[in-house]
Amino acid sequence: MSRDQVIGWILVLVSLVVIIVYTYIMFFTNYWELLVKITLVVGVLGIGGIMAWIGYTLATTPPPKPIEEIEKEIEEELKKLEQETSKEEKTQ
């Protein structure tokens, strides 16, 4: 059995235990209100954290070059290549 398979089975077992414990607390104890509150807080924090990460990434990533600038760079490179190939043809 490979390492990935072992990790996969561990994740399956942990998930099943979490499901069983969550269901037990939800339906068979007096702590279901606390469980719901914790679940909602974790969900809101997760979504808020993802949104904050996306916002930070957008705010700190430099904007891409304009298309016109990229086209000029490509044209310059093509001219250089044409000059190099014409020089090589003349020397042969």
C-alpha atoms as a PDB file:
ATOM      1  CA  MET A   1       0.000   0.000   0.000  1.00  0.00           C
ATOM      2  CA  SER A   2       1.421   3.383  -0.994  1.00  0.00           C
ATOM      3  CA  ARG A   3       1.791   6.404   1.239  1.00  0.00           C
ATOM      4  CA  ASP A   4      -1.016   8.211  -0.609  1.00  0.00           C
ATOM      5  CA  GLN A   5      -3.388   5.316  -0.019  1.00  0.00           C
ATOM      6  CA  VAL A   6      -2.580   5.284   3.699  1.00  0.00           C
ATOM      7  CA  ILE A   7      -3.236   9.020   3.928  1.00  0.00           C
ATOM      8  CA  GLY A   8      -6.481   8.515   1.983  1.00  0.00           C
ATOM      9  CA  TRP A   9      -7.737   5.838   4.384  1.00  0.00           C
ATOM     10  CA  ILE A  10      -6.767   7.975   7.392  1.00  0.00           C
ATOM     11  CA  LEU A  11      -8.805  10.850   5.935  1.00  0.00           C
ATOM     12  CA  VAL A  12     -11.780   8.531   5.398  1.00  0.00           C
ATOM     13  CA  LEU A  13     -11.623   7.292   8.996  1.00  0.00           C
ATOM     14  CA  VAL A  14     -11.205  10.782  10.472  1.00  0.00           C
ATOM     15  CA  SER A  15     -14.140  12.021   8.378  1.00  0.00           C
ATOM     16  CA  LEU A  16     -16.360   9.191   9.565  1.00  0.00           C
ATOM     17  CA  VAL A  17     -15.439   9.840  13.206  1.00  0.00           C
ATOM     18  CA  VAL A  18     -16.183  13.556  12.798  1.00  0.00           C
ATOM     19  CA  ILE A  19     -19.544  12.767  11.173  1.00  0.00           C
ATOM     20  CA  ILE A  20     -20.495  10.346  13.953  1.00  0.00           C
ATOM     21  CA  VAL A  21     -19.406  12.677  16.764  1.00  0.00           C
ATOM     22  CA  TYR A  22     -21.107  15.681  15.137  1.00  0.00           C
ATOM     23  CA  THR A  23     -24.355  13.773  14.666  1.00  0.00           C
ATOM     24  CA  TYR A  24     -24.249  12.454  18.233  1.00  0.00           C
ATOM     25  CA  ILE A  25     -23.689  15.924  19.710  1.00  0.00           C
ATOM     26  CA  MET A  26     -26.353  17.430  17.436  1.00  0.00           C
ATOM     27  CA  PHE A  27     -29.158  15.011  18.298  1.00  0.00           C
ATOM     28  CA  PHE A  28     -28.342  13.298  21.594  1.00  0.00           C
ATOM     29  CA  THR A  29     -26.847  15.993  23.846  1.00  0.00           C
ATOM     30  CA  ASN A  30     -27.785  19.412  25.144  1.00  0.00           C
ATOM     31  CA  TYR A  31     -24.841  21.034  23.353  1.00  0.00           C
ATOM     32  CA  TRP A  32     -26.465  21.214  19.922  1.00  0.00           C
ATOM     33  CA  GLU A  33     -26.913  25.012  20.136  1.00  0.00           C
ATOM     34  CA  LEU A  34     -23.231  25.481  20.837  1.00  0.00           C
ATOM     35  CA  LEU A  35     -22.383  23.081  18.001  1.00  0.00           C
ATOM     36  CA  VAL A  36     -24.539  25.068  15.567  1.00  0.00           C
ATOM     37  CA  LYS A  37     -22.919  28.324  16.666  1.00  0.00           C
ATOM     38  CA  ILE A  38     -19.431  26.885  16.271  1.00  0.00           C
ATOM     39  CA  THR A  39     -20.326  25.482  12.846  1.00  0.00           C
ATOM     40  CA  LEU A  40     -21.663  28.842  11.673  1.00  0.00           C
ATOM     41  CA  VAL A  41     -18.661  30.753  13.012  1.00  0.00           C
ATOM     42  CA  VAL A  42     -16.223  28.353  11.327  1.00  0.00           C
ATOM     43  CA  GLY A  43     -18.141  28.691   8.051  1.00  0.00           C
ATOM     44  CA  VAL A  44     -18.218  32.492   8.181  1.00  0.00           C
ATOM     45  CA  LEU A  45     -14.532  32.642   9.125  1.00  0.00           C
ATOM     46  CA  GLY A  46     -13.650  30.289   6.274  1.00  0.00           C
ATOM     47  CA  ILE A  47     -15.564  32.261   3.663  1.00  0.00           C
ATOM     48  CA  GLY A  48     -14.314  35.577   5.053  1.00  0.00           C
ATOM     49  CA  GLY A  49     -10.748  34.288   5.070  1.00  0.00           C
ATOM     50  CA  ILE A  50     -10.978  33.182   1.457  1.00  0.00           C
ATOM     51  CA  MET A  51     -12.452  36.541   0.451  1.00  0.00           C
ATOM     52  CA  ALA A  52      -9.694  38.389   2.339  1.00  0.00           C
ATOM     53  CA  TRP A  53      -7.028  36.268   0.636  1.00  0.00           C
ATOM     54  CA  ILE A  54      -8.504  36.981  -2.806  1.00  0.00           C
ATOM     55  CA  GLY A  55      -8.721  40.706  -2.002  1.00  0.00           C
ATOM     56  CA  TYR A  56      -5.134  40.794  -0.745  1.00  0.00           C
ATOM     57  CA  THR A  57      -3.938  38.987  -3.853  1.00  0.00           C
ATOM     58  CA  LEU A  58      -5.791  41.414  -6.122  1.00  0.00           C
ATOM     59  CA  ALA A  59      -4.527  44.430  -4.179  1.00  0.00           C
ATOM     60  CA  THR A  60      -0.851  43.395  -4.134  1.00  0.00           C
ATOM     61  CA  THR A  61      -0.461  41.875  -7.609  1.00  0.00           C
ATOM     62  CA  PRO A  62       0.853  44.383 -10.161  1.00  0.00           C
ATOM     63  CA  PRO A  63      -1.407  44.980 -13.156  1.00  0.00           C
ATOM     64  CA  PRO A  64      -0.484  43.239 -16.413  1.00  0.00           C
ATOM     65  CA  LYS A  65       1.292  45.108 -19.203  1.00  0.00           C
ATOM     66  CA  PRO A  66      -0.968  46.723 -21.777  1.00  0.00           C
ATOM     67  CA  ILE A  67      -1.390  44.788 -25.028  1.00  0.00           C
ATOM     68  CA  GLU A  68       0.228  47.610 -27.012  1.00  0.00           C
ATOM     69  CA  GLU A  69       3.436  47.333 -24.978  1.00  0.00           C
ATOM     70  CA  ILE A  70       3.560  43.569 -25.443  1.00  0.00           C
ATOM     71  CA  GLU A  71       3.013  43.970 -29.206  1.00  0.00           C
ATOM     72  CA  LYS A  72       5.896  46.472 -29.405  1.00  0.00           C
ATOM     73  CA  GLU A  73       8.201  44.058 -27.562  1.00  0.00           C
ATOM     74  CA  ILE A  74       7.249  41.235 -29.936  1.00  0.00           C
ATOM     75  CA  GLU A  75       7.838  43.439 -32.984  1.00  0.00           C
ATOM     76  CA  GLU A  76      11.266  44.446 -31.644  1.00  0.00           C
ATOM     77  CA  GLU A  77      12.209  40.810 -31.073  1.00  0.00           C
ATOM     78  CA  LEU A  78      11.028  39.872 -34.572  1.00  0.00           C
ATOM     79  CA  LYS A  79      13.120  42.680 -36.094  1.00  0.00           C
ATOM     80  CA  LYS A  80      16.169  41.469 -34.153  1.00  0.00           C
ATOM     81  CA  LEU A  81      15.618  37.916 -35.395  1.00  0.00           C
ATOM     82  CA  GLU A  82      15.196  39.115 -38.983  1.00  0.00           C
ATOM     83  CA  GLN A  83      18.425  41.127 -38.746  1.00  0.00           C
ATOM     84  CA  GLU A  84      20.308  38.156 -37.309  1.00  0.00           C
ATOM     85  CA  THR A  85      19.057  35.789 -40.014  1.00  0.00           C
ATOM     86  CA  SER A  86      19.867  38.281 -42.768  1.00  0.00           C
ATOM     87  CA  LYS A  87      23.414  38.687 -41.363  1.00  0.00           C
ATOM     88  CA  GLU A  88      23.841  34.893 -41.261  1.00  0.00           C
ATOM     89  CA  GLU A  89      22.678  34.585 -44.872  1.00  0.00           C
ATOM     90  CA  LYS A  90      25.138  37.262 -46.001  1.00  0.00           C
ATOM     91  CA  THR A  91      28.075  35.549 -44.265  1.00  0.00           C
ATOM     92  CA  GLN A  92      27.338  32.216 -45.915  1.00  0.00           C
END
